[in-house]
Amino acid sequence: FVDNSSVESIVIPHGVERICRDAFVSCTALKEVSLPQTLTELERGVFYNCTSLEEITIPATVKEIGDYAFYNTNFTSFTIPDSVTSIGQNAFYYCRSLTSCTIGSGVTSIGRMAFSSAPAVIRMKGTVPPTLGERAFESTSVIYVPCSAYDAYVQAWSSEASKIVVYGNYTKQEVIENEYLCERGNKYEKVGRYVSEDGIDWCLVGYIKGDLIEESSEDCA
């Protein structure tokens, strides 16, 4: 099917376990794909440059999404099931229409530039942060994580820490006195914190930064 510019929909039959490398590269008219519940792997570049592809459901049997698998496709949202353990490098690179993506709890690795040039808001379901390749979320503005895993994600993904936010309902605010926080070497009053209940537990979400106490503070060196 490589470079087929006429096919608009494809149904992969039951029993297929793997779609091989570059199977549908540049099928530019392809809009819909139906995948079987027997599928376990999407190899490298399977839907590479399928610029019209906007609808697909990944079965809960798939374990691997290969490198460049959905490069330059036309999804607006995407859900990666809990069965998937790895997302290859550049898997969703240049997916410029992708505005939201939910990543299942089973994912343990996300490859280099996996979502680069894709402006998606990311929602992580897992409480253990996957290993993260360089520039994986380069174009992402927000990464939602489980409340109980907030600290773990911030520590593991230090390069993306400013994008990490807890999802859930903010239900409580506590005032903190006589404490401070540091930002770029400056000392600020810590006036409060948000706490969120995500259905599992209560945990710290983030601090409200108050007035500047001391610029270039030794305490923040």
N, C-alpha and C. Protein backbone atom coordinates (compact mmCIF):
# COMPACT_ATOMS: atom_id res chain seq x y z
N PHE A 1 0.80 -1.22 0.00
CA PHE A 1 0.00 0.00 0.00
C PHE A 1 0.84 1.28 0.00
N VAL A 2 2.13 1.17 -0.04
CA VAL A 2 3.00 2.34 0.02
C VAL A 2 2.68 3.31 -1.11
N ASP A 3 2.52 4.60 -0.75
CA ASP A 3 2.24 5.67 -1.71
C ASP A 3 0.90 5.52 -2.43
N ASN A 4 -0.02 4.77 -1.85
CA ASN A 4 -1.35 4.63 -2.43
C ASN A 4 -2.15 5.89 -2.08
N SER A 5 -2.56 6.62 -3.07
CA SER A 5 -3.24 7.90 -2.84
C SER A 5 -4.74 7.82 -3.03
N SER A 6 -5.29 6.60 -3.15
CA SER A 6 -6.73 6.47 -3.38
C SER A 6 -7.48 5.77 -2.25
N VAL A 7 -6.83 4.87 -1.53
CA VAL A 7 -7.52 4.13 -0.47
C VAL A 7 -7.86 5.07 0.69
N GLU A 8 -9.13 5.01 1.15
CA GLU A 8 -9.60 5.90 2.21
C GLU A 8 -9.86 5.19 3.53
N SER A 9 -10.10 3.88 3.49
CA SER A 9 -10.31 3.13 4.72
C SER A 9 -9.75 1.73 4.58
N ILE A 10 -9.32 1.17 5.71
CA ILE A 10 -8.72 -0.17 5.72
C ILE A 10 -9.22 -0.92 6.94
N VAL A 11 -9.56 -2.17 6.77
CA VAL A 11 -9.92 -3.06 7.88
C VAL A 11 -8.87 -4.17 7.91
N ILE A 12 -8.11 -4.22 8.99
CA ILE A 12 -7.12 -5.29 9.17
C ILE A 12 -7.84 -6.49 9.77
N PRO A 13 -7.77 -7.66 9.14
CA PRO A 13 -8.57 -8.81 9.59
C PRO A 13 -8.12 -9.39 10.92
N HIS A 14 -9.06 -10.02 11.60
CA HIS A 14 -8.79 -10.71 12.86
C HIS A 14 -7.74 -11.81 12.63
N GLY A 15 -6.84 -11.94 13.57
CA GLY A 15 -5.77 -12.93 13.46
C GLY A 15 -4.41 -12.31 13.20
N VAL A 16 -4.41 -11.09 12.63
CA VAL A 16 -3.14 -10.39 12.39
C VAL A 16 -2.56 -9.92 13.72
N GLU A 17 -1.29 -10.24 13.96
CA GLU A 17 -0.65 -9.89 15.22
C GLU A 17 0.33 -8.73 15.09
N ARG A 18 0.77 -8.46 13.87
CA ARG A 18 1.77 -7.43 13.68
C ARG A 18 1.58 -6.77 12.32
N ILE A 19 1.67 -5.46 12.29
CA ILE A 19 1.67 -4.74 11.02
C ILE A 19 3.12 -4.31 10.76
N CYS A 20 3.65 -4.78 9.65
CA CYS A 20 5.09 -4.65 9.39
C CYS A 20 5.50 -3.23 9.02
N ARG A 21 6.76 -3.03 9.06
CA ARG A 21 7.41 -1.74 8.83
C ARG A 21 6.96 -1.10 7.51
N ASP A 22 6.60 0.17 7.59
CA ASP A 22 6.29 1.00 6.42
C ASP A 22 5.11 0.48 5.60
N ALA A 23 4.22 -0.27 6.21
CA ALA A 23 3.13 -0.92 5.47
C ALA A 23 2.24 0.06 4.71
N PHE A 24 1.95 1.22 5.32
CA PHE A 24 1.01 2.15 4.69
C PHE A 24 1.63 3.54 4.53
N VAL A 25 2.91 3.60 4.31
CA VAL A 25 3.60 4.89 4.18
C VAL A 25 2.98 5.74 3.08
N SER A 26 2.69 6.99 3.42
CA SER A 26 2.20 7.98 2.46
C SER A 26 0.93 7.57 1.73
N CYS A 27 0.04 6.88 2.44
CA CYS A 27 -1.31 6.67 1.92
C CYS A 27 -2.09 7.94 2.27
N THR A 28 -1.96 8.94 1.46
CA THR A 28 -2.37 10.28 1.82
C THR A 28 -3.89 10.50 1.85
N ALA A 29 -4.66 9.58 1.28
CA ALA A 29 -6.12 9.69 1.33
C ALA A 29 -6.73 8.87 2.46
N LEU A 30 -5.93 8.07 3.13
CA LEU A 30 -6.42 7.16 4.17
C LEU A 30 -6.93 7.96 5.37
N LYS A 31 -8.21 7.73 5.74
CA LYS A 31 -8.83 8.45 6.84
C LYS A 31 -9.15 7.56 8.04
N GLU A 32 -9.53 6.31 7.78
CA GLU A 32 -9.97 5.44 8.87
C GLU A 32 -9.29 4.08 8.77
N VAL A 33 -8.91 3.53 9.93
CA VAL A 33 -8.30 2.20 10.00
C VAL A 33 -8.95 1.44 11.15
N SER A 34 -9.35 0.21 10.88
CA SER A 34 -9.88 -0.68 11.91
C SER A 34 -8.85 -1.76 12.20
N LEU A 35 -8.46 -1.87 13.46
CA LEU A 35 -7.43 -2.83 13.86
C LEU A 35 -8.05 -3.97 14.66
N PRO A 36 -7.55 -5.20 14.51
CA PRO A 36 -8.13 -6.36 15.20
C PRO A 36 -7.66 -6.49 16.64
N GLN A 37 -8.42 -7.21 17.43
CA GLN A 37 -8.10 -7.44 18.84
C GLN A 37 -6.96 -8.45 19.01
N THR A 38 -6.43 -8.94 17.90
CA THR A 38 -5.28 -9.87 17.96
C THR A 38 -3.95 -9.15 17.79
N LEU A 39 -4.00 -7.88 17.47
CA LEU A 39 -2.78 -7.12 17.15
C LEU A 39 -1.94 -6.85 18.40
N THR A 40 -0.62 -7.05 18.29
CA THR A 40 0.27 -6.80 19.42
C THR A 40 1.34 -5.75 19.13
N GLU A 41 1.61 -5.49 17.84
CA GLU A 41 2.72 -4.58 17.53
C GLU A 41 2.45 -3.78 16.26
N LEU A 42 2.75 -2.49 16.35
CA LEU A 42 2.77 -1.61 15.18
C LEU A 42 4.23 -1.27 14.93
N GLU A 43 4.78 -1.77 13.85
CA GLU A 43 6.21 -1.59 13.60
C GLU A 43 6.53 -0.17 13.11
N ARG A 44 7.78 0.07 12.88
CA ARG A 44 8.29 1.37 12.48
C ARG A 44 7.59 1.90 11.22
N GLY A 45 7.09 3.13 11.31
CA GLY A 45 6.58 3.83 10.14
C GLY A 45 5.33 3.27 9.50
N VAL A 46 4.53 2.50 10.24
CA VAL A 46 3.38 1.83 9.61
C VAL A 46 2.39 2.82 8.97
N PHE A 47 2.15 3.96 9.63
CA PHE A 47 1.24 4.95 9.06
C PHE A 47 1.97 6.28 8.83
N TYR A 48 3.22 6.20 8.53
CA TYR A 48 4.07 7.37 8.30
C TYR A 48 3.50 8.22 7.17
N ASN A 49 3.31 9.50 7.46
CA ASN A 49 2.88 10.47 6.45
C ASN A 49 1.50 10.16 5.85
N CYS A 50 0.66 9.52 6.64
CA CYS A 50 -0.74 9.34 6.24
C CYS A 50 -1.47 10.61 6.67
N THR A 51 -1.37 11.63 5.87
CA THR A 51 -1.71 12.99 6.26
C THR A 51 -3.21 13.21 6.50
N SER A 52 -4.06 12.28 6.04
CA SER A 52 -5.51 12.42 6.24
C SER A 52 -6.03 11.52 7.35
N LEU A 53 -5.17 10.68 7.91
CA LEU A 53 -5.61 9.70 8.91
C LEU A 53 -6.06 10.40 10.18
N GLU A 54 -7.34 10.23 10.52
CA GLU A 54 -7.90 10.95 11.67
C GLU A 54 -8.69 10.07 12.62
N GLU A 55 -8.82 8.79 12.30
CA GLU A 55 -9.59 7.92 13.18
C GLU A 55 -8.97 6.53 13.25
N ILE A 56 -8.61 6.12 14.46
CA ILE A 56 -8.07 4.78 14.69
C ILE A 56 -8.21 4.47 16.18
N THR A 57 -8.50 3.25 16.51
CA THR A 57 -8.55 2.81 17.91
C THR A 57 -7.51 1.72 18.09
N ILE A 58 -6.59 1.95 19.02
CA ILE A 58 -5.55 0.97 19.28
C ILE A 58 -6.12 -0.10 20.21
N PRO A 59 -6.14 -1.37 19.78
CA PRO A 59 -6.70 -2.43 20.63
C PRO A 59 -5.91 -2.60 21.93
N ALA A 60 -6.57 -3.12 22.93
CA ALA A 60 -5.96 -3.33 24.25
C ALA A 60 -5.01 -4.52 24.26
N THR A 61 -4.66 -5.01 23.09
CA THR A 61 -3.68 -6.11 22.96
C THR A 61 -2.32 -5.61 22.50
N VAL A 62 -2.28 -4.37 22.01
CA VAL A 62 -1.03 -3.83 21.45
C VAL A 62 -0.04 -3.51 22.56
N LYS A 63 1.21 -3.92 22.36
CA LYS A 63 2.26 -3.70 23.37
C LYS A 63 3.29 -2.67 22.93
N GLU A 64 3.50 -2.53 21.62
CA GLU A 64 4.54 -1.62 21.14
C GLU A 64 4.02 -0.74 20.00
N ILE A 65 4.36 0.54 20.09
CA ILE A 65 4.13 1.48 19.00
C ILE A 65 5.51 1.88 18.50
N GLY A 66 5.82 1.51 17.27
CA GLY A 66 7.17 1.68 16.75
C GLY A 66 7.55 3.10 16.41
N ASP A 67 8.84 3.29 16.12
CA ASP A 67 9.35 4.58 15.70
C ASP A 67 8.58 5.09 14.48
N TYR A 68 8.27 6.36 14.46
CA TYR A 68 7.62 7.02 13.32
C TYR A 68 6.27 6.40 12.94
N ALA A 69 5.66 5.64 13.83
CA ALA A 69 4.44 4.91 13.49
C ALA A 69 3.32 5.81 12.99
N PHE A 70 3.15 6.98 13.62
CA PHE A 70 2.06 7.89 13.24
C PHE A 70 2.61 9.27 12.86
N TYR A 71 3.78 9.30 12.33
CA TYR A 71 4.43 10.54 11.92
C TYR A 71 3.54 11.30 10.92
N ASN A 72 3.27 12.57 11.21
CA ASN A 72 2.55 13.46 10.30
C ASN A 72 1.18 12.91 9.91
N THR A 73 0.43 12.47 10.91
CA THR A 73 -0.97 12.07 10.69
C THR A 73 -1.89 13.22 11.14
N ASN A 74 -3.20 13.01 11.02
CA ASN A 74 -4.14 14.11 11.21
C ASN A 74 -5.06 13.94 12.42
N PHE A 75 -4.65 13.17 13.42
CA PHE A 75 -5.46 12.99 14.61
C PHE A 75 -5.60 14.29 15.38
N THR A 76 -6.79 14.49 15.97
CA THR A 76 -6.96 15.60 16.91
C THR A 76 -6.84 15.12 18.35
N SER A 77 -7.17 13.85 18.58
CA SER A 77 -7.00 13.24 19.91
C SER A 77 -6.58 11.79 19.72
N PHE A 78 -5.96 11.25 20.75
CA PHE A 78 -5.44 9.89 20.63
C PHE A 78 -5.38 9.28 22.02
N THR A 79 -5.72 7.99 22.11
CA THR A 79 -5.64 7.27 23.38
C THR A 79 -4.74 6.05 23.20
N ILE A 80 -3.73 5.97 24.03
CA ILE A 80 -2.82 4.83 24.03
C ILE A 80 -3.23 3.92 25.18
N PRO A 81 -3.63 2.69 24.90
CA PRO A 81 -4.18 1.82 25.95
C PRO A 81 -3.13 1.38 26.97
N ASP A 82 -3.62 0.88 28.10
CA ASP A 82 -2.73 0.45 29.19
C ASP A 82 -1.83 -0.71 28.79
N SER A 83 -2.19 -1.44 27.75
CA SER A 83 -1.39 -2.60 27.32
C SER A 83 -0.06 -2.19 26.70
N VAL A 84 0.02 -0.98 26.17
CA VAL A 84 1.24 -0.53 25.49
C VAL A 84 2.34 -0.27 26.52
N THR A 85 3.54 -0.80 26.23
CA THR A 85 4.68 -0.59 27.14
C THR A 85 5.71 0.39 26.59
N SER A 86 5.77 0.54 25.27
CA SER A 86 6.77 1.45 24.71
C SER A 86 6.21 2.25 23.53
N ILE A 87 6.60 3.51 23.48
CA ILE A 87 6.27 4.41 22.39
C ILE A 87 7.59 4.81 21.75
N GLY A 88 7.76 4.48 20.47
CA GLY A 88 9.04 4.69 19.80
C GLY A 88 9.35 6.15 19.53
N GLN A 89 10.59 6.39 19.14
CA GLN A 89 11.01 7.75 18.84
C GLN A 89 10.26 8.29 17.61
N ASN A 90 9.94 9.56 17.69
CA ASN A 90 9.23 10.25 16.60
C ASN A 90 7.87 9.62 16.26
N ALA A 91 7.32 8.85 17.19
CA ALA A 91 6.07 8.11 16.90
C ALA A 91 4.93 9.03 16.49
N PHE A 92 4.84 10.21 17.13
CA PHE A 92 3.78 11.16 16.80
C PHE A 92 4.38 12.51 16.36
N TYR A 93 5.55 12.44 15.84
CA TYR A 93 6.24 13.66 15.40
C TYR A 93 5.45 14.35 14.29
N TYR A 94 5.38 15.65 14.38
CA TYR A 94 4.76 16.50 13.37
C TYR A 94 3.25 16.24 13.21
N CYS A 95 2.63 15.75 14.25
CA CYS A 95 1.16 15.60 14.25
C CYS A 95 0.58 16.94 14.70
N ARG A 96 0.50 17.87 13.79
CA ARG A 96 0.20 19.27 14.13
C ARG A 96 -1.24 19.50 14.55
N SER A 97 -2.13 18.54 14.25
CA SER A 97 -3.54 18.68 14.65
C SER A 97 -3.83 18.04 15.99
N LEU A 98 -2.86 17.32 16.53
CA LEU A 98 -3.07 16.57 17.77
C LEU A 98 -3.11 17.52 18.96
N THR A 99 -4.29 17.64 19.59
CA THR A 99 -4.44 18.56 20.72
C THR A 99 -4.53 17.87 22.06
N SER A 100 -4.80 16.55 22.06
CA SER A 100 -4.83 15.82 23.33
C SER A 100 -4.45 14.36 23.12
N CYS A 101 -3.73 13.83 24.09
CA CYS A 101 -3.31 12.43 24.03
C CYS A 101 -3.26 11.85 25.44
N THR A 102 -3.94 10.74 25.63
CA THR A 102 -3.91 10.02 26.91
C THR A 102 -2.96 8.84 26.77
N ILE A 103 -2.01 8.76 27.67
CA ILE A 103 -0.99 7.70 27.63
C ILE A 103 -1.25 6.72 28.76
N GLY A 104 -1.45 5.45 28.41
CA GLY A 104 -1.86 4.42 29.35
C GLY A 104 -0.86 4.14 30.46
N SER A 105 -1.34 3.50 31.49
CA SER A 105 -0.54 3.25 32.70
C SER A 105 0.56 2.22 32.49
N GLY A 106 0.52 1.46 31.40
CA GLY A 106 1.53 0.43 31.18
C GLY A 106 2.79 0.91 30.50
N VAL A 107 2.78 2.13 29.99
CA VAL A 107 3.93 2.64 29.24
C VAL A 107 5.13 2.84 30.16
N THR A 108 6.26 2.24 29.78
CA THR A 108 7.49 2.36 30.58
C THR A 108 8.58 3.15 29.87
N SER A 109 8.42 3.39 28.56
CA SER A 109 9.41 4.19 27.85
C SER A 109 8.75 4.99 26.73
N ILE A 110 9.21 6.24 26.60
CA ILE A 110 8.75 7.14 25.54
C ILE A 110 9.99 7.62 24.82
N GLY A 111 10.05 7.37 23.52
CA GLY A 111 11.26 7.62 22.76
C GLY A 111 11.54 9.08 22.45
N ARG A 112 12.73 9.30 21.95
CA ARG A 112 13.21 10.64 21.60
C ARG A 112 12.26 11.30 20.60
N MET A 113 11.88 12.52 20.90
CA MET A 113 11.03 13.35 20.03
C MET A 113 9.70 12.68 19.67
N ALA A 114 9.21 11.84 20.58
CA ALA A 114 7.98 11.08 20.29
C ALA A 114 6.80 11.99 19.96
N PHE A 115 6.68 13.12 20.66
CA PHE A 115 5.57 14.05 20.43
C PHE A 115 6.06 15.42 20.01
N SER A 116 7.26 15.49 19.50
CA SER A 116 7.81 16.77 19.07
C SER A 116 6.99 17.33 17.90
N SER A 117 6.78 18.63 17.91
CA SER A 117 5.98 19.33 16.88
C SER A 117 4.53 18.88 16.88
N ALA A 118 4.09 18.28 17.98
CA ALA A 118 2.67 17.95 18.18
C ALA A 118 2.21 18.73 19.41
N PRO A 119 1.27 19.66 19.25
CA PRO A 119 0.91 20.55 20.36
C PRO A 119 -0.06 19.95 21.37
N ALA A 120 -0.03 18.65 21.53
CA ALA A 120 -1.02 17.96 22.36
C ALA A 120 -0.85 18.26 23.85
N VAL A 121 -1.98 18.34 24.54
CA VAL A 121 -2.00 18.27 26.00
C VAL A 121 -1.93 16.79 26.36
N ILE A 122 -0.98 16.43 27.20
CA ILE A 122 -0.72 15.03 27.53
C ILE A 122 -1.33 14.68 28.88
N ARG A 123 -1.98 13.52 28.94
CA ARG A 123 -2.49 13.03 30.22
C ARG A 123 -1.86 11.67 30.49
N MET A 124 -1.05 11.60 31.53
CA MET A 124 -0.39 10.36 31.92
C MET A 124 -1.25 9.62 32.94
N LYS A 125 -1.55 8.36 32.68
CA LYS A 125 -2.34 7.56 33.63
C LYS A 125 -1.47 6.85 34.65
N GLY A 126 -0.24 6.55 34.30
CA GLY A 126 0.64 5.77 35.17
C GLY A 126 1.16 6.55 36.35
N THR A 127 1.37 5.86 37.47
CA THR A 127 1.94 6.49 38.66
C THR A 127 3.45 6.37 38.72
N VAL A 128 4.03 5.57 37.83
CA VAL A 128 5.49 5.46 37.72
C VAL A 128 5.91 6.13 36.42
N PRO A 129 6.72 7.20 36.48
CA PRO A 129 7.09 7.91 35.26
C PRO A 129 7.89 7.02 34.30
N PRO A 130 7.50 6.95 33.03
CA PRO A 130 8.30 6.20 32.06
C PRO A 130 9.65 6.88 31.83
N THR A 131 10.61 6.13 31.32
CA THR A 131 11.85 6.76 30.87
C THR A 131 11.51 7.64 29.68
N LEU A 132 12.18 8.77 29.59
CA LEU A 132 11.80 9.79 28.62
C LEU A 132 12.97 10.14 27.73
N GLY A 133 12.77 10.01 26.41
CA GLY A 133 13.80 10.37 25.46
C GLY A 133 13.93 11.87 25.30
N GLU A 134 15.03 12.29 24.77
CA GLU A 134 15.32 13.71 24.57
C GLU A 134 14.24 14.37 23.71
N ARG A 135 13.77 15.52 24.16
CA ARG A 135 12.81 16.37 23.44
C ARG A 135 11.51 15.64 23.11
N ALA A 136 11.14 14.67 23.94
CA ALA A 136 9.93 13.89 23.68
C ALA A 136 8.67 14.75 23.67
N PHE A 137 8.62 15.74 24.59
CA PHE A 137 7.45 16.61 24.69
C PHE A 137 7.83 18.06 24.37
N GLU A 138 8.64 18.22 23.39
CA GLU A 138 9.19 19.54 23.07
C GLU A 138 8.12 20.59 22.81
N SER A 139 7.03 20.20 22.16
CA SER A 139 5.99 21.17 21.78
C SER A 139 4.77 21.12 22.69
N THR A 140 4.83 20.32 23.73
CA THR A 140 3.71 20.16 24.65
C THR A 140 3.70 21.29 25.68
N SER A 141 2.51 21.83 25.96
CA SER A 141 2.41 22.92 26.93
C SER A 141 2.05 22.42 28.32
N VAL A 142 1.27 21.33 28.40
CA VAL A 142 0.81 20.81 29.69
C VAL A 142 0.90 19.30 29.70
N ILE A 143 1.40 18.75 30.81
CA ILE A 143 1.43 17.31 31.03
C ILE A 143 0.70 17.03 32.33
N TYR A 144 -0.47 16.41 32.24
CA TYR A 144 -1.24 16.08 33.44
C TYR A 144 -0.79 14.72 33.98
N VAL A 145 -0.60 14.65 35.30
CA VAL A 145 -0.15 13.42 35.93
C VAL A 145 -1.04 13.12 37.14
N PRO A 146 -1.07 11.85 37.59
CA PRO A 146 -1.84 11.53 38.80
C PRO A 146 -1.34 12.30 40.01
N CYS A 147 -2.24 12.69 40.84
CA CYS A 147 -1.90 13.48 42.02
C CYS A 147 -0.82 12.81 42.87
N SER A 148 -1.00 11.52 43.13
CA SER A 148 -0.07 10.81 44.02
C SER A 148 1.31 10.65 43.41
N ALA A 149 1.45 10.92 42.09
CA ALA A 149 2.74 10.73 41.42
C ALA A 149 3.39 12.05 41.03
N TYR A 150 2.82 13.16 41.47
CA TYR A 150 3.32 14.47 41.06
C TYR A 150 4.82 14.63 41.34
N ASP A 151 5.23 14.38 42.57
CA ASP A 151 6.64 14.56 42.93
C ASP A 151 7.54 13.64 42.12
N ALA A 152 7.09 12.41 41.88
CA ALA A 152 7.90 11.45 41.13
C ALA A 152 8.13 11.92 39.70
N TYR A 153 7.09 12.46 39.08
CA TYR A 153 7.23 12.97 37.71
C TYR A 153 8.14 14.19 37.65
N VAL A 154 7.97 15.10 38.58
CA VAL A 154 8.80 16.31 38.58
C VAL A 154 10.27 15.94 38.75
N GLN A 155 10.55 14.96 39.59
CA GLN A 155 11.93 14.54 39.80
C GLN A 155 12.49 13.79 38.59
N ALA A 156 11.69 12.87 38.04
CA ALA A 156 12.18 12.05 36.93
C ALA A 156 12.26 12.83 35.62
N TRP A 157 11.34 13.76 35.44
CA TRP A 157 11.27 14.54 34.20
C TRP A 157 11.63 15.99 34.49
N SER A 158 12.79 16.22 35.04
CA SER A 158 13.16 17.57 35.46
C SER A 158 13.14 18.57 34.31
N SER A 159 13.45 18.13 33.09
CA SER A 159 13.46 19.03 31.95
C SER A 159 12.06 19.49 31.56
N GLU A 160 11.04 18.76 32.02
CA GLU A 160 9.65 19.08 31.69
C GLU A 160 8.87 19.52 32.92
N ALA A 161 9.56 19.77 34.02
CA ALA A 161 8.89 20.02 35.30
C ALA A 161 7.91 21.19 35.25
N SER A 162 8.24 22.22 34.47
CA SER A 162 7.38 23.39 34.42
C SER A 162 6.04 23.11 33.72
N LYS A 163 5.95 22.00 33.00
CA LYS A 163 4.73 21.66 32.27
C LYS A 163 3.82 20.71 33.05
N ILE A 164 4.33 20.15 34.14
CA ILE A 164 3.61 19.09 34.85
C ILE A 164 2.56 19.67 35.80
N VAL A 165 1.35 19.17 35.65
CA VAL A 165 0.21 19.63 36.44
C VAL A 165 -0.56 18.39 36.88
N VAL A 166 -1.19 18.47 38.04
CA VAL A 166 -2.01 17.37 38.52
C VAL A 166 -3.41 17.48 37.94
N TYR A 167 -3.99 16.35 37.51
CA TYR A 167 -5.38 16.38 37.09
C TYR A 167 -6.26 15.95 38.27
N GLY A 168 -7.48 16.40 38.25
CA GLY A 168 -8.40 16.13 39.35
C GLY A 168 -9.03 17.42 39.83
N ASN A 169 -9.90 17.32 40.80
CA ASN A 169 -10.60 18.49 41.32
C ASN A 169 -9.84 19.09 42.50
N TYR A 170 -9.57 20.37 42.40
CA TYR A 170 -8.92 21.06 43.51
C TYR A 170 -9.96 21.32 44.59
N THR A 171 -9.74 20.77 45.74
CA THR A 171 -10.78 20.79 46.75
C THR A 171 -10.38 21.46 48.07
N LYS A 172 -9.12 21.82 48.19
CA LYS A 172 -8.70 22.34 49.49
C LYS A 172 -7.52 23.29 49.32
N GLN A 173 -7.50 24.33 50.11
CA GLN A 173 -6.38 25.26 50.11
C GLN A 173 -5.91 25.45 51.54
N GLU A 174 -4.61 25.36 51.76
CA GLU A 174 -4.04 25.53 53.08
C GLU A 174 -3.09 26.73 53.09
N VAL A 175 -3.13 27.49 54.16
CA VAL A 175 -2.23 28.62 54.30
C VAL A 175 -0.95 28.17 54.99
N ILE A 176 0.17 28.63 54.46
CA ILE A 176 1.48 28.28 55.04
C ILE A 176 2.15 29.58 55.48
N GLU A 177 2.57 29.63 56.72
CA GLU A 177 3.22 30.82 57.25
C GLU A 177 4.68 30.52 57.59
N ASN A 178 5.49 31.56 57.51
CA ASN A 178 6.90 31.47 57.88
C ASN A 178 7.67 30.43 57.07
N GLU A 179 7.26 30.26 55.82
CA GLU A 179 8.00 29.39 54.91
C GLU A 179 8.26 30.16 53.63
N TYR A 180 9.25 29.71 52.87
CA TYR A 180 9.58 30.41 51.63
C TYR A 180 9.91 29.39 50.54
N LEU A 181 9.92 29.89 49.32
CA LEU A 181 10.35 29.05 48.21
C LEU A 181 11.35 29.83 47.38
N CYS A 182 12.14 29.10 46.58
CA CYS A 182 13.19 29.70 45.78
C CYS A 182 12.86 29.59 44.30
N GLU A 183 13.16 30.64 43.59
CA GLU A 183 13.01 30.61 42.14
C GLU A 183 14.14 31.43 41.53
N ARG A 184 15.00 30.76 40.77
CA ARG A 184 16.14 31.41 40.11
C ARG A 184 17.00 32.17 41.11
N GLY A 185 17.18 31.59 42.26
CA GLY A 185 18.05 32.18 43.27
C GLY A 185 17.42 33.22 44.15
N ASN A 186 16.18 33.58 43.87
CA ASN A 186 15.49 34.57 44.67
C ASN A 186 14.56 33.90 45.68
N LYS A 187 14.36 34.56 46.80
CA LYS A 187 13.58 34.01 47.90
C LYS A 187 12.21 34.67 47.93
N TYR A 188 11.14 33.86 47.87
CA TYR A 188 9.77 34.36 47.86
C TYR A 188 9.00 33.83 49.06
N GLU A 189 8.03 34.64 49.50
CA GLU A 189 7.12 34.19 50.54
C GLU A 189 6.26 33.06 50.00
N LYS A 190 6.06 32.04 50.79
CA LYS A 190 5.18 30.93 50.42
C LYS A 190 3.84 31.15 51.14
N VAL A 191 2.84 31.59 50.37
CA VAL A 191 1.61 32.02 51.02
C VAL A 191 0.52 30.96 51.06
N GLY A 192 0.68 29.89 50.32
CA GLY A 192 -0.34 28.86 50.36
C GLY A 192 -0.02 27.69 49.46
N ARG A 193 -0.86 26.71 49.47
CA ARG A 193 -0.69 25.56 48.60
C ARG A 193 -2.05 24.98 48.24
N TYR A 194 -2.11 24.40 47.08
CA TYR A 194 -3.31 23.72 46.63
C TYR A 194 -3.17 22.24 46.91
N VAL A 195 -4.24 21.63 47.33
CA VAL A 195 -4.26 20.20 47.56
C VAL A 195 -5.41 19.62 46.75
N SER A 196 -5.19 18.50 46.10
CA SER A 196 -6.22 17.94 45.24
C SER A 196 -6.52 16.51 45.61
N GLU A 197 -7.79 16.15 45.52
CA GLU A 197 -8.21 14.78 45.77
C GLU A 197 -8.47 14.11 44.42
N ASP A 198 -7.69 13.08 44.11
CA ASP A 198 -7.85 12.43 42.81
C ASP A 198 -8.60 11.10 42.91
N GLY A 199 -9.23 10.87 44.04
CA GLY A 199 -9.95 9.62 44.23
C GLY A 199 -9.11 8.54 44.88
N ILE A 200 -7.82 8.80 45.01
CA ILE A 200 -6.92 7.82 45.63
C ILE A 200 -6.40 8.35 46.96
N ASP A 201 -5.88 9.56 46.92
CA ASP A 201 -5.32 10.13 48.14
C ASP A 201 -5.25 11.65 48.01
N TRP A 202 -4.85 12.26 49.10
CA TRP A 202 -4.61 13.69 49.11
C TRP A 202 -3.13 13.93 48.91
N CYS A 203 -2.79 14.97 48.15
CA CYS A 203 -1.35 15.24 48.01
C CYS A 203 -1.13 16.68 47.58
N LEU A 204 0.08 17.11 47.74
CA LEU A 204 0.47 18.46 47.38
C LEU A 204 0.44 18.64 45.87
N VAL A 205 -0.16 19.71 45.43
CA VAL A 205 -0.17 20.02 44.00
C VAL A 205 0.86 21.08 43.68
N GLY A 206 0.88 22.16 44.40
CA GLY A 206 1.84 23.22 44.10
C GLY A 206 1.67 24.37 45.05
N TYR A 207 2.64 25.25 45.05
CA TYR A 207 2.63 26.39 45.97
C TYR A 207 2.23 27.67 45.26
N ILE A 208 1.60 28.55 46.02
CA ILE A 208 1.31 29.88 45.53
C ILE A 208 2.49 30.77 45.92
N LYS A 209 3.10 31.39 44.93
CA LYS A 209 4.26 32.25 45.20
C LYS A 209 3.80 33.63 45.64
N GLY A 210 4.33 34.08 46.77
CA GLY A 210 3.99 35.40 47.27
C GLY A 210 5.01 36.45 46.88
N ASP A 211 5.16 37.45 47.73
CA ASP A 211 6.05 38.57 47.44
C ASP A 211 7.51 38.17 47.56
N LEU A 212 8.35 38.89 46.83
CA LEU A 212 9.80 38.69 46.90
C LEU A 212 10.31 39.11 48.27
N ILE A 213 10.98 38.17 48.94
CA ILE A 213 11.56 38.49 50.26
C ILE A 213 12.99 39.02 50.10
N GLU A 214 13.77 38.31 49.28
CA GLU A 214 15.17 38.66 49.14
C GLU A 214 15.68 38.24 47.77
N GLU A 215 16.25 39.21 47.05
CA GLU A 215 16.80 38.91 45.74
C GLU A 215 18.21 38.34 45.88
N SER A 216 18.54 37.33 45.09
CA SER A 216 19.83 36.63 45.15
C SER A 216 20.11 36.18 46.57
N SER A 217 19.16 35.52 47.16
CA SER A 217 19.27 35.09 48.56
C SER A 217 20.31 33.99 48.74
N GLU A 218 21.07 34.10 49.81
CA GLU A 218 22.04 33.03 50.12
C GLU A 218 21.34 31.74 50.43
N ASP A 219 20.13 31.82 50.98
CA ASP A 219 19.37 30.61 51.31
C ASP A 219 18.97 29.85 50.05
N CYS A 220 18.96 30.54 48.92
CA CYS A 220 18.56 29.91 47.67
C CYS A 220 19.74 29.64 46.74
N ALA A 221 20.93 29.75 47.26
CA ALA A 221 22.12 29.55 46.42
C ALA A 221 22.22 28.09 46.01
